[in-house]
N, C-alpha and C. Protein backbone atom coordinates (compact mmCIF):
# COMPACT_ATOMS: atom_id res chain seq x y z
N MET A 1 36.97 1.19 -11.47
CA MET A 1 35.78 1.70 -10.82
C MET A 1 35.18 2.78 -11.73
N SER A 2 33.89 2.70 -11.96
CA SER A 2 33.22 3.66 -12.84
C SER A 2 33.03 4.99 -12.12
N SER A 3 32.73 6.02 -12.88
CA SER A 3 32.51 7.33 -12.27
C SER A 3 31.28 7.30 -11.36
N ARG A 4 30.29 6.51 -11.72
CA ARG A 4 29.09 6.39 -10.87
C ARG A 4 29.45 5.72 -9.54
N GLU A 5 30.29 4.69 -9.58
CA GLU A 5 30.72 4.01 -8.36
C GLU A 5 31.54 4.95 -7.48
N LEU A 6 32.40 5.77 -8.11
CA LEU A 6 33.17 6.74 -7.34
C LEU A 6 32.27 7.78 -6.70
N GLU A 7 31.28 8.24 -7.43
CA GLU A 7 30.33 9.22 -6.88
C GLU A 7 29.55 8.63 -5.72
N ASP A 8 29.08 7.39 -5.87
CA ASP A 8 28.36 6.71 -4.78
C ASP A 8 29.25 6.56 -3.55
N ARG A 9 30.50 6.20 -3.78
CA ARG A 9 31.45 6.04 -2.67
C ARG A 9 31.68 7.38 -1.95
N TYR A 10 31.88 8.44 -2.73
CA TYR A 10 32.06 9.77 -2.15
C TYR A 10 30.83 10.18 -1.34
N ASP A 11 29.63 9.98 -1.89
CA ASP A 11 28.40 10.33 -1.19
C ASP A 11 28.28 9.56 0.12
N ARG A 12 28.61 8.28 0.10
CA ARG A 12 28.53 7.45 1.30
C ARG A 12 29.53 7.92 2.36
N GLU A 13 30.76 8.21 1.92
CA GLU A 13 31.79 8.67 2.86
C GLU A 13 31.43 10.04 3.43
N GLU A 14 30.88 10.91 2.60
CA GLU A 14 30.46 12.23 3.08
C GLU A 14 29.34 12.10 4.11
N ALA A 15 28.35 11.26 3.83
CA ALA A 15 27.24 11.05 4.76
C ALA A 15 27.74 10.46 6.08
N GLU A 16 28.69 9.53 6.01
CA GLU A 16 29.25 8.94 7.23
C GLU A 16 29.97 10.00 8.06
N ALA A 17 30.71 10.90 7.40
CA ALA A 17 31.42 11.96 8.11
C ALA A 17 30.46 12.95 8.74
N ILE A 18 29.41 13.31 8.03
CA ILE A 18 28.41 14.23 8.59
C ILE A 18 27.71 13.58 9.77
N ALA A 19 27.32 12.32 9.61
CA ALA A 19 26.66 11.61 10.71
C ALA A 19 27.56 11.56 11.94
N ALA A 20 28.83 11.25 11.75
CA ALA A 20 29.77 11.18 12.88
C ALA A 20 29.91 12.53 13.55
N ALA A 21 30.01 13.60 12.76
CA ALA A 21 30.14 14.95 13.32
C ALA A 21 28.91 15.35 14.14
N LEU A 22 27.76 14.82 13.76
CA LEU A 22 26.52 15.14 14.47
C LEU A 22 26.21 14.15 15.59
N GLY A 23 26.99 13.10 15.70
CA GLY A 23 26.72 12.09 16.71
C GLY A 23 25.55 11.19 16.35
N LEU A 24 25.31 11.04 15.06
CA LEU A 24 24.22 10.19 14.58
C LEU A 24 24.79 8.99 13.84
N THR A 25 23.98 7.99 13.66
CA THR A 25 24.35 6.88 12.80
C THR A 25 24.00 7.26 11.36
N PRO A 26 24.62 6.61 10.38
CA PRO A 26 24.23 6.89 8.99
C PRO A 26 22.74 6.65 8.74
N ASP A 27 22.16 5.65 9.40
CA ASP A 27 20.72 5.40 9.24
C ASP A 27 19.89 6.55 9.81
N GLU A 28 20.31 7.12 10.94
CA GLU A 28 19.60 8.27 11.50
C GLU A 28 19.72 9.47 10.58
N LEU A 29 20.90 9.67 10.00
CA LEU A 29 21.08 10.78 9.08
C LEU A 29 20.15 10.63 7.87
N ASP A 30 19.94 9.40 7.43
CA ASP A 30 19.04 9.15 6.30
C ASP A 30 17.60 9.55 6.60
N GLU A 31 17.26 9.65 7.89
CA GLU A 31 15.89 9.99 8.29
C GLU A 31 15.59 11.48 8.24
N ILE A 32 16.62 12.31 8.04
CA ILE A 32 16.40 13.75 8.07
C ILE A 32 16.84 14.40 6.75
N GLU A 33 16.23 15.55 6.49
CA GLU A 33 16.69 16.39 5.39
C GLU A 33 17.58 17.46 5.99
N TYR A 34 18.69 17.74 5.33
CA TYR A 34 19.63 18.73 5.85
C TYR A 34 20.37 19.40 4.71
N SER A 35 20.98 20.52 5.02
CA SER A 35 21.87 21.18 4.07
C SER A 35 23.09 21.68 4.83
N ILE A 36 24.21 21.81 4.11
CA ILE A 36 25.47 22.23 4.70
C ILE A 36 25.74 23.67 4.27
N HIS A 37 26.19 24.51 5.22
CA HIS A 37 26.50 25.91 4.95
C HIS A 37 27.87 26.26 5.50
N ASP A 38 28.56 27.15 4.81
CA ASP A 38 29.80 27.72 5.34
C ASP A 38 29.46 28.68 6.47
N ILE A 39 30.30 28.71 7.50
CA ILE A 39 30.21 29.73 8.54
C ILE A 39 31.52 30.50 8.45
N ALA A 40 31.41 31.79 8.13
CA ALA A 40 32.60 32.60 7.87
C ALA A 40 32.62 33.84 8.77
N ASN A 41 33.81 34.41 8.93
CA ASN A 41 33.93 35.65 9.70
C ASN A 41 33.65 36.83 8.77
N ASP A 42 33.84 38.04 9.28
CA ASP A 42 33.52 39.26 8.53
C ASP A 42 34.34 39.44 7.26
N VAL A 43 35.51 38.84 7.18
CA VAL A 43 36.33 38.98 5.98
C VAL A 43 36.18 37.78 5.03
N GLY A 44 35.27 36.89 5.34
CA GLY A 44 34.98 35.77 4.45
C GLY A 44 35.76 34.51 4.70
N LEU A 45 36.57 34.46 5.75
CA LEU A 45 37.32 33.26 6.07
C LEU A 45 36.39 32.21 6.68
N VAL A 46 36.28 31.09 6.00
CA VAL A 46 35.42 30.00 6.50
C VAL A 46 36.14 29.33 7.67
N PHE A 47 35.48 29.33 8.82
CA PHE A 47 36.08 28.73 10.00
C PHE A 47 35.28 27.55 10.53
N ASP A 48 34.18 27.26 9.90
CA ASP A 48 33.34 26.16 10.35
C ASP A 48 32.33 25.86 9.25
N TYR A 49 31.69 24.73 9.40
CA TYR A 49 30.54 24.40 8.57
C TYR A 49 29.37 24.18 9.50
N GLY A 50 28.20 24.52 9.01
CA GLY A 50 26.99 24.34 9.80
C GLY A 50 26.01 23.48 9.05
N VAL A 51 25.30 22.65 9.79
CA VAL A 51 24.28 21.79 9.23
C VAL A 51 22.92 22.36 9.61
N GLU A 52 22.11 22.62 8.61
CA GLU A 52 20.75 23.09 8.84
C GLU A 52 19.82 21.89 8.71
N ILE A 53 19.06 21.63 9.75
CA ILE A 53 18.11 20.52 9.75
C ILE A 53 16.77 21.06 9.27
N LYS A 54 16.23 20.44 8.26
CA LYS A 54 14.94 20.87 7.70
C LYS A 54 13.80 20.37 8.59
N GLU A 55 12.64 20.99 8.43
CA GLU A 55 11.47 20.60 9.21
C GLU A 55 11.10 19.15 8.96
N GLY A 56 10.51 18.53 9.97
CA GLY A 56 10.03 17.17 9.83
C GLY A 56 10.95 16.10 10.40
N ALA A 57 12.07 16.51 11.01
CA ALA A 57 12.98 15.53 11.60
C ALA A 57 12.33 14.89 12.83
N PRO A 58 12.55 13.61 13.04
CA PRO A 58 12.01 12.94 14.23
C PRO A 58 12.53 13.59 15.51
N GLN A 59 11.68 13.66 16.52
CA GLN A 59 12.04 14.32 17.77
C GLN A 59 13.24 13.68 18.44
N TYR A 60 13.37 12.36 18.38
CA TYR A 60 14.50 11.72 19.06
C TYR A 60 15.83 12.16 18.43
N ILE A 61 15.83 12.44 17.13
CA ILE A 61 17.05 12.94 16.49
C ILE A 61 17.28 14.39 16.89
N LEU A 62 16.24 15.21 16.92
CA LEU A 62 16.37 16.60 17.37
C LEU A 62 16.90 16.65 18.80
N ASP A 63 16.47 15.72 19.64
CA ASP A 63 16.95 15.66 21.02
C ASP A 63 18.45 15.36 21.05
N LYS A 64 18.92 14.47 20.19
CA LYS A 64 20.35 14.15 20.13
C LYS A 64 21.17 15.36 19.67
N LEU A 65 20.60 16.15 18.77
CA LEU A 65 21.30 17.30 18.21
C LEU A 65 21.26 18.53 19.12
N ALA A 66 20.36 18.54 20.08
CA ALA A 66 20.15 19.72 20.93
C ALA A 66 21.40 20.10 21.72
N ARG A 67 22.27 19.18 22.02
CA ARG A 67 23.45 19.44 22.84
C ARG A 67 24.63 20.03 22.04
N LEU A 68 24.52 20.04 20.73
CA LEU A 68 25.63 20.48 19.89
C LEU A 68 25.69 22.00 19.77
N PRO A 69 26.91 22.56 19.60
CA PRO A 69 27.05 24.02 19.46
C PRO A 69 26.38 24.51 18.18
N ARG A 70 25.85 25.74 18.27
CA ARG A 70 25.11 26.31 17.14
C ARG A 70 25.55 27.72 16.83
N TYR A 71 25.29 28.10 15.59
CA TYR A 71 25.37 29.47 15.11
C TYR A 71 24.00 29.77 14.54
N GLY A 72 23.17 30.41 15.33
CA GLY A 72 21.79 30.62 14.89
C GLY A 72 21.11 29.28 14.74
N ASN A 73 20.58 29.02 13.54
CA ASN A 73 19.89 27.75 13.31
C ASN A 73 20.81 26.68 12.73
N LEU A 74 22.11 26.95 12.65
CA LEU A 74 23.07 25.99 12.10
C LEU A 74 23.79 25.24 13.22
N ILE A 75 23.91 23.95 13.08
CA ILE A 75 24.65 23.13 14.02
C ILE A 75 26.10 23.08 13.56
N SER A 76 27.02 23.48 14.43
CA SER A 76 28.44 23.48 14.11
C SER A 76 28.96 22.06 14.01
N VAL A 77 29.73 21.80 12.95
CA VAL A 77 30.36 20.48 12.83
C VAL A 77 31.87 20.57 12.97
N GLY A 78 32.38 21.75 13.37
CA GLY A 78 33.76 21.87 13.80
C GLY A 78 34.83 21.67 12.76
N LEU A 79 34.86 22.51 11.75
CA LEU A 79 35.93 22.45 10.74
C LEU A 79 37.29 22.59 11.41
N VAL A 80 37.43 23.59 12.27
CA VAL A 80 38.68 23.80 13.01
C VAL A 80 38.30 23.90 14.48
N PRO A 81 38.52 22.84 15.26
CA PRO A 81 38.13 22.86 16.66
C PRO A 81 38.76 24.03 17.41
N GLY A 82 37.95 24.70 18.21
CA GLY A 82 38.43 25.77 19.05
C GLY A 82 38.52 27.13 18.39
N ILE A 83 38.32 27.21 17.08
CA ILE A 83 38.38 28.49 16.37
C ILE A 83 36.96 29.00 16.18
N ARG A 84 36.72 30.21 16.61
CA ARG A 84 35.40 30.82 16.46
C ARG A 84 35.56 32.26 15.99
N ALA A 85 34.55 32.78 15.34
CA ALA A 85 34.59 34.17 14.89
C ALA A 85 34.50 35.11 16.08
N GLU A 86 35.15 36.22 15.95
CA GLU A 86 35.10 37.25 17.00
C GLU A 86 34.16 38.34 16.58
């Protein structure tokens, strides 16, 4: 397998995992622009990742995401279930 094929495979698997964490299909995830951010406590321990949805996402996708837990404008994807910053 070439390095390009491995990179494509990694990108596809990453997108599938993000889509699953958000309750979206991979095709729905393809419809939005997003970025991933660390969510850390005061001492820098990363306890979650957050997905920031960029402007322009279709309303039906925003409606699906509305029920998910958030940290400000970031949607929690649950790195460690049940662990939250104090």
